[in-house]
Amino acid sequence: MNRPFFPPPPLLDEGWYSDPTGRYEARYWDGQKWTKHVSHYGATGTDPILRARFDRLWVRLTLRVITWGATILIIYFLVKAFWPTEFLNESSLTHITNHSEKTLQTISLPLVASALL
């Protein structure tokens, strides 16, 4: 497994420097390469410089986009599956309009007749 490339600090002596991976406060530079020795808030330990598979930003972003896309597709297909098929299509709107006009005509005819009497 190859080690990820981190540019070395320019002409620095061996010692503790800011961790180039950003996971800890400091990492030890031995004068030639970063070592596995880390320091975080005063506590020291070891952590290989190799990054975990999901530690890369592009992997996390890709997984997030795929997750959101899948969620949106699932919601779309659920709504499509349970949405009434005749709801707000052209024939149902025509039926609603015709029904409203008939009701209006039925109500207005007796009013006109009573006004004439």
N, C-alpha and C. Protein backbone atom coordinates (compact mmCIF):
# COMPACT_ATOMS: atom_id res chain seq x y z
N MET A 1 0.85 -1.16 0.00
CA MET A 1 0.00 0.00 0.00
C MET A 1 0.90 1.23 0.00
N ASN A 2 0.66 2.16 -0.89
CA ASN A 2 1.49 3.35 -1.01
C ASN A 2 1.11 4.38 0.04
N ARG A 3 2.10 5.10 0.47
CA ARG A 3 1.86 6.19 1.42
C ARG A 3 1.41 7.41 0.63
N PRO A 4 0.44 8.16 1.15
CA PRO A 4 0.05 9.39 0.45
C PRO A 4 1.19 10.40 0.50
N PHE A 5 1.27 11.21 -0.51
CA PHE A 5 2.35 12.18 -0.58
C PHE A 5 1.95 13.47 0.11
N PHE A 6 2.72 13.87 1.07
CA PHE A 6 2.57 15.17 1.71
C PHE A 6 3.88 15.91 1.51
N PRO A 7 3.83 17.11 1.00
CA PRO A 7 5.08 17.83 0.79
C PRO A 7 5.78 18.08 2.12
N PRO A 8 7.06 17.84 2.17
CA PRO A 8 7.77 18.04 3.44
C PRO A 8 7.89 19.52 3.77
N PRO A 9 8.00 19.84 5.03
CA PRO A 9 8.24 21.23 5.38
C PRO A 9 9.57 21.67 4.76
N PRO A 10 9.64 22.87 4.27
CA PRO A 10 10.87 23.29 3.59
C PRO A 10 12.03 23.41 4.56
N LEU A 11 13.04 22.58 4.38
CA LEU A 11 14.30 22.62 5.13
C LEU A 11 14.11 22.73 6.64
N LEU A 12 13.25 21.91 7.17
CA LEU A 12 13.02 21.94 8.62
C LEU A 12 13.80 20.82 9.29
N ASP A 13 14.23 21.10 10.47
CA ASP A 13 14.91 20.08 11.27
C ASP A 13 13.86 19.12 11.82
N GLU A 14 14.33 18.00 12.31
CA GLU A 14 13.38 17.05 12.89
C GLU A 14 12.74 17.67 14.13
N GLY A 15 11.48 17.30 14.33
CA GLY A 15 10.75 17.83 15.47
C GLY A 15 9.25 17.73 15.25
N TRP A 16 8.49 18.34 16.17
CA TRP A 16 7.03 18.31 16.11
C TRP A 16 6.54 19.50 15.30
N TYR A 17 5.66 19.21 14.33
CA TYR A 17 5.08 20.25 13.48
C TYR A 17 3.58 19.97 13.33
N SER A 18 2.86 20.94 12.81
CA SER A 18 1.42 20.74 12.57
C SER A 18 1.21 19.51 11.72
N ASP A 19 0.21 18.72 12.09
CA ASP A 19 -0.08 17.48 11.38
C ASP A 19 -0.60 17.79 9.98
N PRO A 20 0.06 17.32 8.92
CA PRO A 20 -0.40 17.62 7.56
C PRO A 20 -1.73 16.94 7.22
N THR A 21 -2.10 15.91 7.94
CA THR A 21 -3.38 15.25 7.67
C THR A 21 -4.54 16.00 8.31
N GLY A 22 -4.23 16.85 9.30
CA GLY A 22 -5.28 17.61 9.97
C GLY A 22 -6.02 16.82 11.03
N ARG A 23 -5.59 15.60 11.30
CA ARG A 23 -6.29 14.78 12.29
C ARG A 23 -5.81 15.03 13.71
N TYR A 24 -4.60 15.53 13.86
CA TYR A 24 -4.03 15.76 15.19
C TYR A 24 -3.41 17.15 15.24
N GLU A 25 -3.04 17.54 16.44
CA GLU A 25 -2.38 18.83 16.62
C GLU A 25 -1.00 18.84 15.97
N ALA A 26 -0.22 17.80 16.22
CA ALA A 26 1.15 17.77 15.71
C ALA A 26 1.54 16.35 15.30
N ARG A 27 2.48 16.29 14.38
CA ARG A 27 3.06 15.01 13.94
C ARG A 27 4.57 15.20 13.88
N TYR A 28 5.28 14.13 14.15
CA TYR A 28 6.74 14.23 14.24
C TYR A 28 7.36 14.12 12.85
N TRP A 29 8.23 15.08 12.52
CA TRP A 29 8.99 15.09 11.28
C TRP A 29 10.41 14.65 11.62
N ASP A 30 10.88 13.55 11.01
CA ASP A 30 12.21 13.03 11.37
C ASP A 30 13.34 13.62 10.54
N GLY A 31 13.05 14.65 9.79
CA GLY A 31 14.05 15.29 8.94
C GLY A 31 13.95 14.86 7.50
N GLN A 32 13.28 13.71 7.25
CA GLN A 32 13.11 13.21 5.88
C GLN A 32 11.66 12.89 5.55
N LYS A 33 10.90 12.46 6.54
CA LYS A 33 9.50 12.08 6.30
C LYS A 33 8.69 12.22 7.58
N TRP A 34 7.38 12.25 7.40
CA TRP A 34 6.48 12.28 8.56
C TRP A 34 6.46 10.89 9.18
N THR A 35 6.45 10.84 10.48
CA THR A 35 6.42 9.55 11.17
C THR A 35 5.01 9.26 11.67
N LYS A 36 4.85 8.10 12.29
CA LYS A 36 3.54 7.73 12.83
C LYS A 36 3.29 8.34 14.21
N HIS A 37 4.25 9.03 14.78
CA HIS A 37 4.12 9.61 16.12
C HIS A 37 3.32 10.91 16.05
N VAL A 38 2.27 10.98 16.87
CA VAL A 38 1.38 12.15 16.87
C VAL A 38 1.22 12.68 18.28
N SER A 39 0.80 13.93 18.34
CA SER A 39 0.50 14.57 19.63
C SER A 39 -0.81 15.32 19.48
N HIS A 40 -1.67 15.14 20.46
CA HIS A 40 -2.97 15.80 20.40
C HIS A 40 -3.31 16.29 21.80
N TYR A 41 -3.34 17.60 21.98
CA TYR A 41 -3.61 18.23 23.28
C TYR A 41 -2.71 17.66 24.38
N GLY A 42 -1.44 17.52 24.07
CA GLY A 42 -0.46 17.07 25.06
C GLY A 42 -0.29 15.57 25.16
N ALA A 43 -1.24 14.80 24.70
CA ALA A 43 -1.14 13.34 24.75
C ALA A 43 -0.43 12.86 23.49
N THR A 44 0.50 11.96 23.65
CA THR A 44 1.22 11.43 22.48
C THR A 44 0.78 10.00 22.20
N GLY A 45 0.92 9.62 20.96
CA GLY A 45 0.56 8.27 20.55
C GLY A 45 1.08 8.02 19.16
N THR A 46 0.60 6.96 18.56
CA THR A 46 1.01 6.64 17.19
C THR A 46 -0.22 6.50 16.32
N ASP A 47 -0.07 6.93 15.10
CA ASP A 47 -1.12 6.79 14.09
C ASP A 47 -0.42 6.78 12.74
N PRO A 48 -0.55 5.70 11.98
CA PRO A 48 0.12 5.66 10.68
C PRO A 48 -0.36 6.81 9.79
N ILE A 49 0.53 7.27 8.96
CA ILE A 49 0.19 8.38 8.07
C ILE A 49 -0.78 7.95 6.98
N LEU A 50 -0.90 6.63 6.76
CA LEU A 50 -1.85 6.14 5.76
C LEU A 50 -3.25 6.53 6.18
N ARG A 51 -3.96 7.05 5.25
CA ARG A 51 -5.33 7.48 5.55
C ARG A 51 -6.30 6.32 5.37
N ALA A 52 -7.33 6.35 6.16
CA ALA A 52 -8.39 5.36 6.01
C ALA A 52 -9.11 5.60 4.69
N ARG A 53 -9.80 4.59 4.21
CA ARG A 53 -10.46 4.69 2.91
C ARG A 53 -11.48 5.82 2.87
N PHE A 54 -12.23 6.02 3.96
CA PHE A 54 -13.26 7.04 3.97
C PHE A 54 -12.78 8.36 4.56
N ASP A 55 -11.48 8.50 4.71
CA ASP A 55 -10.94 9.73 5.27
C ASP A 55 -10.72 10.79 4.20
N ARG A 56 -10.86 10.45 2.97
CA ARG A 56 -10.64 11.41 1.89
C ARG A 56 -11.90 12.22 1.67
N LEU A 57 -11.72 13.49 1.42
CA LEU A 57 -12.84 14.41 1.25
C LEU A 57 -13.70 14.03 0.05
N TRP A 58 -13.09 13.67 -1.06
CA TRP A 58 -13.87 13.38 -2.26
C TRP A 58 -14.74 12.14 -2.08
N VAL A 59 -14.29 11.19 -1.30
CA VAL A 59 -15.09 9.99 -1.05
C VAL A 59 -16.32 10.36 -0.22
N ARG A 60 -16.10 11.18 0.81
CA ARG A 60 -17.23 11.60 1.66
C ARG A 60 -18.24 12.41 0.86
N LEU A 61 -17.76 13.32 0.00
CA LEU A 61 -18.68 14.12 -0.80
C LEU A 61 -19.45 13.26 -1.80
N THR A 62 -18.77 12.32 -2.42
CA THR A 62 -19.44 11.43 -3.37
C THR A 62 -20.52 10.60 -2.68
N LEU A 63 -20.20 10.07 -1.51
CA LEU A 63 -21.20 9.29 -0.77
C LEU A 63 -22.38 10.15 -0.36
N ARG A 64 -22.11 11.40 0.01
CA ARG A 64 -23.20 12.30 0.40
C ARG A 64 -24.11 12.60 -0.79
N VAL A 65 -23.53 12.84 -1.98
CA VAL A 65 -24.33 13.11 -3.18
C VAL A 65 -25.15 11.89 -3.55
N ILE A 66 -24.55 10.71 -3.50
CA ILE A 66 -25.28 9.48 -3.82
C ILE A 66 -26.42 9.26 -2.84
N THR A 67 -26.17 9.50 -1.56
CA THR A 67 -27.21 9.32 -0.54
C THR A 67 -28.37 10.27 -0.78
N TRP A 68 -28.07 11.55 -1.01
CA TRP A 68 -29.15 12.51 -1.26
C TRP A 68 -29.91 12.18 -2.55
N GLY A 69 -29.19 11.79 -3.59
CA GLY A 69 -29.85 11.43 -4.84
C GLY A 69 -30.77 10.23 -4.67
N ALA A 70 -30.31 9.22 -3.95
CA ALA A 70 -31.15 8.04 -3.70
C ALA A 70 -32.37 8.41 -2.86
N THR A 71 -32.19 9.28 -1.87
CA THR A 71 -33.31 9.71 -1.04
C THR A 71 -34.36 10.44 -1.87
N ILE A 72 -33.91 11.34 -2.73
CA ILE A 72 -34.84 12.09 -3.58
C ILE A 72 -35.57 11.16 -4.53
N LEU A 73 -34.86 10.19 -5.12
CA LEU A 73 -35.51 9.24 -6.02
C LEU A 73 -36.54 8.38 -5.28
N ILE A 74 -36.22 7.93 -4.09
CA ILE A 74 -37.16 7.12 -3.31
C ILE A 74 -38.41 7.93 -3.00
N ILE A 75 -38.24 9.17 -2.57
CA ILE A 75 -39.40 10.02 -2.28
C ILE A 75 -40.23 10.24 -3.54
N TYR A 76 -39.57 10.49 -4.67
CA TYR A 76 -40.28 10.70 -5.93
C TYR A 76 -41.13 9.49 -6.30
N PHE A 77 -40.53 8.29 -6.24
CA PHE A 77 -41.27 7.09 -6.63
C PHE A 77 -42.37 6.75 -5.62
N LEU A 78 -42.18 7.04 -4.34
CA LEU A 78 -43.24 6.82 -3.37
C LEU A 78 -44.42 7.75 -3.62
N VAL A 79 -44.13 9.01 -3.88
CA VAL A 79 -45.21 9.96 -4.17
C VAL A 79 -45.92 9.56 -5.45
N LYS A 80 -45.15 9.18 -6.47
CA LYS A 80 -45.75 8.77 -7.74
C LYS A 80 -46.61 7.52 -7.57
N ALA A 81 -46.19 6.59 -6.73
CA ALA A 81 -46.94 5.34 -6.53
C ALA A 81 -48.27 5.58 -5.82
N PHE A 82 -48.30 6.50 -4.88
CA PHE A 82 -49.51 6.70 -4.09
C PHE A 82 -50.34 7.90 -4.53
N TRP A 83 -49.89 8.65 -5.52
CA TRP A 83 -50.63 9.81 -6.00
C TRP A 83 -51.79 9.32 -6.86
N PRO A 84 -53.02 9.87 -6.68
CA PRO A 84 -54.16 9.44 -7.50
C PRO A 84 -53.89 9.71 -8.98
N THR A 85 -54.23 8.75 -9.84
CA THR A 85 -53.91 8.91 -11.26
C THR A 85 -54.78 9.95 -11.94
N GLU A 86 -56.00 10.12 -11.51
CA GLU A 86 -56.91 11.07 -12.15
C GLU A 86 -56.88 12.44 -11.50
N PHE A 87 -55.97 12.66 -10.58
CA PHE A 87 -55.93 13.93 -9.85
C PHE A 87 -55.29 15.00 -10.71
N LEU A 88 -56.06 16.06 -10.98
CA LEU A 88 -55.60 17.24 -11.71
C LEU A 88 -55.12 16.96 -13.13
N ASN A 89 -55.69 15.94 -13.78
CA ASN A 89 -55.38 15.82 -15.20
C ASN A 89 -56.44 16.60 -15.98
N GLU A 90 -56.30 16.70 -17.28
CA GLU A 90 -57.15 17.60 -18.07
C GLU A 90 -58.62 17.19 -18.03
N SER A 91 -58.93 15.91 -18.09
CA SER A 91 -60.32 15.48 -18.10
C SER A 91 -61.00 15.74 -16.76
N SER A 92 -60.27 15.58 -15.65
CA SER A 92 -60.89 15.85 -14.35
C SER A 92 -61.12 17.34 -14.16
N LEU A 93 -60.23 18.17 -14.68
CA LEU A 93 -60.43 19.62 -14.58
C LEU A 93 -61.62 20.06 -15.42
N THR A 94 -61.79 19.45 -16.60
CA THR A 94 -62.95 19.76 -17.44
C THR A 94 -64.23 19.36 -16.73
N HIS A 95 -64.23 18.20 -16.08
CA HIS A 95 -65.41 17.73 -15.35
C HIS A 95 -65.74 18.69 -14.20
N ILE A 96 -64.74 19.15 -13.49
CA ILE A 96 -64.97 20.09 -12.38
C ILE A 96 -65.53 21.40 -12.91
N THR A 97 -65.00 21.89 -14.04
CA THR A 97 -65.47 23.15 -14.62
C THR A 97 -66.91 23.00 -15.10
N ASN A 98 -67.22 21.90 -15.79
CA ASN A 98 -68.59 21.69 -16.27
C ASN A 98 -69.55 21.56 -15.11
N HIS A 99 -69.16 20.87 -14.06
CA HIS A 99 -70.02 20.71 -12.89
C HIS A 99 -70.28 22.07 -12.24
N SER A 100 -69.29 22.92 -12.18
CA SER A 100 -69.46 24.25 -11.59
C SER A 100 -70.39 25.10 -12.43
N GLU A 101 -70.28 25.01 -13.76
CA GLU A 101 -71.16 25.79 -14.64
C GLU A 101 -72.61 25.32 -14.52
N LYS A 102 -72.84 24.00 -14.42
CA LYS A 102 -74.20 23.49 -14.27
C LYS A 102 -74.81 23.95 -12.96
N THR A 103 -74.02 23.94 -11.90
CA THR A 103 -74.51 24.39 -10.60
C THR A 103 -74.86 25.87 -10.67
N LEU A 104 -74.01 26.64 -11.34
CA LEU A 104 -74.26 28.08 -11.47
C LEU A 104 -75.53 28.32 -12.28
N GLN A 105 -75.73 27.56 -13.38
CA GLN A 105 -76.94 27.72 -14.19
C GLN A 105 -78.17 27.31 -13.39
N THR A 106 -78.10 26.24 -12.62
CA THR A 106 -79.23 25.77 -11.84
C THR A 106 -79.62 26.81 -10.79
N ILE A 107 -78.65 27.43 -10.19
CA ILE A 107 -78.94 28.43 -9.16
C ILE A 107 -79.46 29.71 -9.79
N SER A 108 -78.91 30.12 -10.93
CA SER A 108 -79.28 31.41 -11.50
C SER A 108 -80.65 31.39 -12.17
N LEU A 109 -81.12 30.28 -12.72
CA LEU A 109 -82.43 30.23 -13.37
C LEU A 109 -83.57 30.53 -12.40
N PRO A 110 -83.66 29.93 -11.22
CA PRO A 110 -84.75 30.29 -10.32
C PRO A 110 -84.67 31.75 -9.86
N LEU A 111 -83.48 32.27 -9.74
CA LEU A 111 -83.35 33.67 -9.32
C LEU A 111 -83.89 34.61 -10.38
N VAL A 112 -83.63 34.29 -11.66
CA VAL A 112 -84.14 35.12 -12.76
C VAL A 112 -85.66 35.00 -12.82
N ALA A 113 -86.19 33.80 -12.65
CA ALA A 113 -87.64 33.59 -12.70
C ALA A 113 -88.33 34.31 -11.55
N SER A 114 -87.78 34.27 -10.36
CA SER A 114 -88.41 34.95 -9.24
C SER A 114 -88.32 36.46 -9.39
N ALA A 115 -87.30 36.94 -10.05
CA ALA A 115 -87.17 38.38 -10.25
C ALA A 115 -88.19 38.86 -11.27
N LEU A 116 -88.54 38.02 -12.23
CA LEU A 116 -89.51 38.40 -13.25
C LEU A 116 -90.93 38.39 -12.69
N LEU A 117 -91.22 37.63 -11.71
CA LEU A 117 -92.57 37.54 -11.16
C LEU A 117 -92.88 38.66 -10.28
